[in-house]
Amino acid sequence: NRFWCKTTIPLLYANPFALGYRNKHKLLLTIILLFNKEEILQLKNQLGTNQIKNFNIDDEHKPLFEYLKYLEDYNQFKIDSFIFYNIGLLIPSNEKCGYIFPMFHQKILCQSRNIKQLDISLNLFNREAFKNFNVQNFISNLTKLKSLSLKLSLDDTTNNEIEQEFLGSIANNNFNNLNLRKLRIDLTSKKLVGQKIFNNITCEKIYKIIQGQNKLKIFKIWSCCYSLLNNILLSLEFRKHSL
């Protein structure tokens, strides 16, 4: 049984959010049990006495494996759907949802050491739950990254130190020779429509991220601003034969 578990657990948790989101309370409970006692207490306070009864949370129970470390595909939007269908429907307050969802994301990102595909909106780092997020610990877990999808707004990132540190680490290739096979960048935020002034610091990091790739097989970029898209493409002129 021990050998069977060691063989199957990495396979089961490589992409546990892929197939359906409903009625996966056992998976949700497994993730909750990976929280420390302080995090579990915060979750209980947010859910309230009535709703916490829906989850049999034993603070003293220790999972047999560090399940999240086997995660290979982190897709923020699939995980949001998973949390919503299994816990979000029990929470009447949007404000509480805005706190609980990032709690799960932070825990998943901190413990996942085998991520090969990362699909994330950098607005996630603006949430209160991420104010003490250890970016460098997260970055150190991305050494196997092959596919990166970023969604961001260029108008509201300057003051977000976590977001800037994350972009800077990718731009400076702090991953021990990271070479992506797939890169997607989404700049189609509604906040950008009709705007001509952008955060130059963020733009420069985006240029550098793209320029630093040598083995891309798929590259996609979306932007609602022609001038920004044109600047990005011009910045790649010298790499047109090597991307």
Protein backbone atom coordinates (compact mmCIF):
# COMPACT_ATOMS: atom_id res chain seq x y z
CA ASN A 1 0.00 0.00 0.00
CA ARG A 2 2.82 2.40 0.82
CA PHE A 3 4.47 1.79 -2.56
CA TRP A 4 1.12 2.21 -4.33
CA CYS A 5 0.50 5.53 -2.57
CA LYS A 6 3.96 6.86 -3.38
CA THR A 7 3.40 5.95 -7.02
CA THR A 8 -0.12 7.28 -7.48
CA ILE A 9 -0.19 10.43 -5.32
CA PRO A 10 2.16 12.41 -7.62
CA LEU A 11 -0.04 11.47 -10.59
CA LEU A 12 -3.31 12.33 -8.86
CA TYR A 13 -2.10 15.70 -7.62
CA ALA A 14 -0.26 16.82 -10.76
CA ASN A 15 -3.47 18.50 -11.94
CA PRO A 16 -6.25 17.81 -9.42
CA PHE A 17 -8.41 20.77 -10.52
CA ALA A 18 -8.67 19.74 -14.17
CA LEU A 19 -11.79 17.57 -14.25
CA GLY A 20 -14.83 19.25 -12.76
CA TYR A 21 -15.16 21.41 -9.69
CA ARG A 22 -18.37 20.31 -8.01
CA ASN A 23 -18.61 17.97 -5.03
CA LYS A 24 -14.88 17.76 -4.43
CA HIS A 25 -15.13 18.37 -0.72
CA LYS A 26 -12.50 15.74 0.07
CA LEU A 27 -9.93 17.53 -2.07
CA LEU A 28 -10.87 20.85 -0.48
CA LEU A 29 -10.59 19.36 3.01
CA THR A 30 -7.18 17.90 2.13
CA ILE A 31 -5.95 21.36 1.15
CA ILE A 32 -7.40 22.91 4.32
CA LEU A 33 -5.60 20.33 6.46
CA LEU A 34 -2.33 21.54 4.92
CA PHE A 35 -2.98 24.95 6.51
CA ASN A 36 -1.24 25.71 9.78
CA LYS A 37 -3.35 26.22 12.91
CA GLU A 38 -3.40 30.00 12.55
CA GLU A 39 -4.62 29.77 8.95
CA ILE A 40 -7.31 27.24 9.89
CA LEU A 41 -8.48 29.58 12.65
CA GLN A 42 -8.66 32.48 10.18
CA LEU A 43 -10.68 30.31 7.79
CA LYS A 44 -13.08 29.29 10.55
CA ASN A 45 -13.57 32.92 11.53
CA GLN A 46 -14.35 33.89 7.95
CA LEU A 47 -16.76 31.00 7.36
CA GLY A 48 -18.60 31.38 10.64
CA THR A 49 -19.92 28.73 13.03
CA ASN A 50 -22.84 27.61 10.89
CA GLN A 51 -20.87 27.00 7.70
CA ILE A 52 -17.78 25.47 9.29
CA LYS A 53 -19.97 22.53 10.35
CA ASN A 54 -20.08 21.51 6.69
CA PHE A 55 -16.39 20.66 6.92
CA ASN A 56 -15.05 18.14 9.39
CA ILE A 57 -11.82 20.00 10.13
CA ASP A 58 -9.57 18.32 12.67
CA ASP A 59 -6.82 20.78 13.62
CA GLU A 60 -4.65 17.95 14.94
CA HIS A 61 -4.85 15.76 11.85
CA LYS A 62 -1.66 15.65 9.80
CA PRO A 63 -1.91 14.60 6.12
CA LEU A 64 0.25 11.66 5.05
CA PHE A 65 1.79 13.60 2.14
CA GLU A 66 2.64 17.16 1.20
CA TYR A 67 0.10 16.81 -1.59
CA LEU A 68 0.46 20.27 -3.09
CA LYS A 69 4.15 19.86 -3.81
CA TYR A 70 3.21 17.52 -6.68
CA LEU A 71 1.08 20.13 -8.46
CA GLU A 72 2.32 20.68 -12.04
CA ASP A 73 -0.48 22.81 -13.48
CA TYR A 74 -1.43 25.94 -11.55
CA ASN A 75 -4.37 27.64 -13.22
CA GLN A 76 -5.74 30.42 -11.04
CA PHE A 77 -9.07 30.54 -12.83
CA LYS A 78 -9.73 26.80 -12.54
CA ILE A 79 -8.80 26.93 -8.87
CA ASP A 80 -11.15 29.89 -8.34
CA SER A 81 -13.98 27.85 -9.86
CA PHE A 82 -13.08 24.87 -7.69
CA ILE A 83 -13.13 26.99 -4.51
CA PHE A 84 -16.35 28.72 -5.53
CA TYR A 85 -18.32 25.53 -6.15
CA ASN A 86 -17.07 23.84 -3.00
CA ILE A 87 -16.97 26.67 -0.49
CA GLY A 88 -17.82 30.00 -2.12
CA LEU A 89 -21.52 29.16 -2.44
CA LEU A 90 -21.65 28.85 1.35
CA ILE A 91 -20.34 32.38 1.88
CA PRO A 92 -22.91 35.18 1.58
CA SER A 93 -20.39 38.02 1.73
CA ASN A 94 -18.34 38.99 -1.34
CA GLU A 95 -15.85 40.61 1.01
CA LYS A 96 -15.23 37.30 2.76
CA CYS A 97 -14.86 35.54 -0.61
CA GLY A 98 -12.26 38.15 -1.51
CA TYR A 99 -10.26 37.11 1.54
CA ILE A 100 -10.80 33.34 1.57
CA PHE A 101 -9.98 32.71 -2.10
CA PRO A 102 -6.50 34.33 -1.86
CA MET A 103 -5.84 32.30 1.31
CA PHE A 104 -6.10 29.11 -0.73
CA HIS A 105 -4.03 30.51 -3.59
CA GLN A 106 -1.26 31.62 -1.26
CA LYS A 107 -1.05 28.20 0.38
CA ILE A 108 -1.04 26.40 -2.97
CA LEU A 109 1.63 28.67 -4.45
CA CYS A 110 3.87 28.39 -1.38
CA GLN A 111 3.78 24.60 -1.26
CA SER A 112 3.84 23.74 -4.97
CA ARG A 113 7.42 22.86 -5.93
CA ASN A 114 6.86 21.17 -9.25
CA ILE A 115 4.91 23.74 -11.29
CA LYS A 116 5.38 23.34 -15.03
CA GLN A 117 2.41 25.43 -16.17
CA LEU A 118 1.50 28.70 -14.48
CA ASP A 119 -1.64 30.61 -15.48
CA ILE A 120 -2.14 33.61 -13.22
CA SER A 121 -3.56 37.12 -13.00
CA LEU A 122 -1.09 39.35 -11.22
CA ASN A 123 -3.98 41.24 -9.60
CA LEU A 124 -4.02 38.30 -7.19
CA PHE A 125 -0.96 39.82 -5.51
CA ASN A 126 -2.99 42.93 -4.66
CA ARG A 127 -5.12 41.00 -2.16
CA GLU A 128 -4.72 41.49 1.57
CA ALA A 129 -3.87 37.82 2.11
CA PHE A 130 -0.69 38.31 0.03
CA LYS A 131 0.75 41.24 1.97
CA ASN A 132 3.40 38.99 3.60
CA PHE A 133 3.83 36.68 0.62
CA ASN A 134 7.39 35.38 0.20
CA VAL A 135 8.04 36.01 -3.48
CA GLN A 136 11.52 34.50 -3.51
CA ASN A 137 10.25 31.26 -2.00
CA PHE A 138 7.61 31.15 -4.72
CA ILE A 139 10.17 31.92 -7.41
CA SER A 140 12.40 29.10 -6.17
CA ASN A 141 9.51 26.69 -6.84
CA LEU A 142 9.36 27.58 -10.54
CA THR A 143 12.59 26.01 -11.77
CA LYS A 144 10.63 23.47 -13.87
CA LEU A 145 8.34 26.06 -15.45
CA LYS A 146 7.72 25.51 -19.17
CA SER A 147 4.47 27.38 -19.79
CA LEU A 148 3.61 30.84 -18.46
CA SER A 149 0.36 32.78 -18.93
CA LEU A 150 0.19 36.24 -17.39
CA LYS A 151 -2.80 38.53 -17.15
CA LEU A 152 -2.06 42.02 -15.89
CA SER A 153 -3.01 45.68 -15.94
CA LEU A 154 -0.22 48.14 -16.61
CA ASP A 155 -1.93 51.07 -14.92
CA ASP A 156 -2.07 49.88 -11.32
CA THR A 157 1.07 47.82 -10.71
CA THR A 158 3.67 50.42 -9.74
CA ASN A 159 2.91 50.36 -6.03
CA ASN A 160 2.55 46.59 -5.80
CA GLU A 161 5.97 45.46 -4.61
CA ILE A 162 5.09 41.76 -4.81
CA GLU A 163 3.96 42.01 -8.42
CA GLN A 164 7.01 44.04 -9.42
CA GLU A 165 9.36 41.62 -7.64
CA PHE A 166 7.74 38.68 -9.40
CA LEU A 167 7.98 40.31 -12.84
CA GLY A 168 11.54 41.39 -12.13
CA SER A 169 12.59 37.86 -11.18
CA ILE A 170 11.19 36.47 -14.43
CA ALA A 171 12.71 39.31 -16.46
CA ASN A 172 16.12 38.72 -14.89
CA ASN A 173 15.74 34.95 -15.32
CA ASN A 174 16.31 34.09 -11.67
CA PHE A 175 15.39 30.46 -12.35
CA ASN A 176 18.67 28.79 -13.25
CA ASN A 177 18.39 29.06 -17.04
CA LEU A 178 14.62 29.13 -17.38
CA ASN A 179 13.56 28.52 -20.96
CA LEU A 180 9.84 28.64 -21.59
CA ARG A 181 8.19 26.66 -24.36
CA LYS A 182 4.95 28.63 -24.16
CA LEU A 183 4.38 32.27 -23.21
CA ARG A 184 1.06 34.10 -23.19
CA ILE A 185 0.59 37.69 -22.01
CA ASP A 186 -2.84 39.25 -21.68
CA LEU A 187 -2.94 43.05 -21.49
CA THR A 188 -6.61 43.42 -22.38
CA SER A 189 -7.79 44.78 -19.05
CA LYS A 190 -10.82 47.06 -19.34
CA LYS A 191 -8.86 49.64 -17.37
CA LEU A 192 -6.48 49.99 -20.29
CA VAL A 193 -9.08 50.70 -22.97
CA GLY A 194 -8.52 54.15 -24.43
CA GLN A 195 -5.49 54.86 -22.27
CA LYS A 196 -2.17 55.96 -23.73
CA ILE A 197 -0.12 56.28 -20.56
CA PHE A 198 1.34 53.08 -19.17
CA ASN A 199 3.58 52.02 -16.36
CA ASN A 200 6.98 52.15 -18.08
CA ILE A 201 8.65 50.03 -15.40
CA THR A 202 6.21 47.18 -15.99
CA CYS A 203 6.47 47.56 -19.77
CA GLU A 204 10.25 47.28 -19.65
CA LYS A 205 10.00 44.09 -17.62
CA ILE A 206 7.53 42.62 -20.10
CA TYR A 207 9.89 43.44 -22.98
CA LYS A 208 12.76 41.80 -21.10
CA ILE A 209 10.74 38.66 -20.28
CA ILE A 210 9.93 38.12 -23.95
CA GLN A 211 13.43 38.96 -25.16
CA GLY A 212 14.97 36.49 -22.72
CA GLN A 213 13.33 33.42 -24.25
CA ASN A 214 15.28 31.14 -26.58
CA LYS A 215 13.11 28.05 -26.99
CA LEU A 216 9.58 29.37 -27.40
CA LYS A 217 7.26 27.23 -29.50
CA ILE A 218 4.11 29.22 -28.75
CA PHE A 219 3.97 32.96 -28.12
CA LYS A 220 0.69 34.86 -27.83
CA ILE A 221 0.00 38.39 -26.70
CA TRP A 222 -3.25 40.30 -26.38
CA SER A 223 -3.46 44.06 -25.99
CA CYS A 224 -6.27 46.57 -26.37
CA CYS A 225 -3.75 49.29 -27.23
CA TYR A 226 -2.13 49.31 -30.68
CA SER A 227 0.78 51.54 -29.62
CA LEU A 228 1.71 49.24 -26.74
CA LEU A 229 1.53 46.15 -28.92
CA ASN A 230 3.62 47.90 -31.58
CA ASN A 231 6.28 48.84 -29.01
CA ILE A 232 6.47 45.24 -27.80
CA LEU A 233 6.90 43.91 -31.32
CA LEU A 234 9.54 46.53 -32.12
CA SER A 235 11.46 45.52 -29.00
CA LEU A 236 11.66 41.99 -30.43
CA GLU A 237 13.07 42.98 -33.82
CA PHE A 238 16.59 41.84 -32.98
CA ARG A 239 15.25 38.47 -31.75
CA LYS A 240 13.06 37.62 -34.72
CA HIS A 241 15.31 34.74 -35.78
CA SER A 242 15.99 33.31 -32.33
CA LEU A 243 12.75 33.41 -30.33
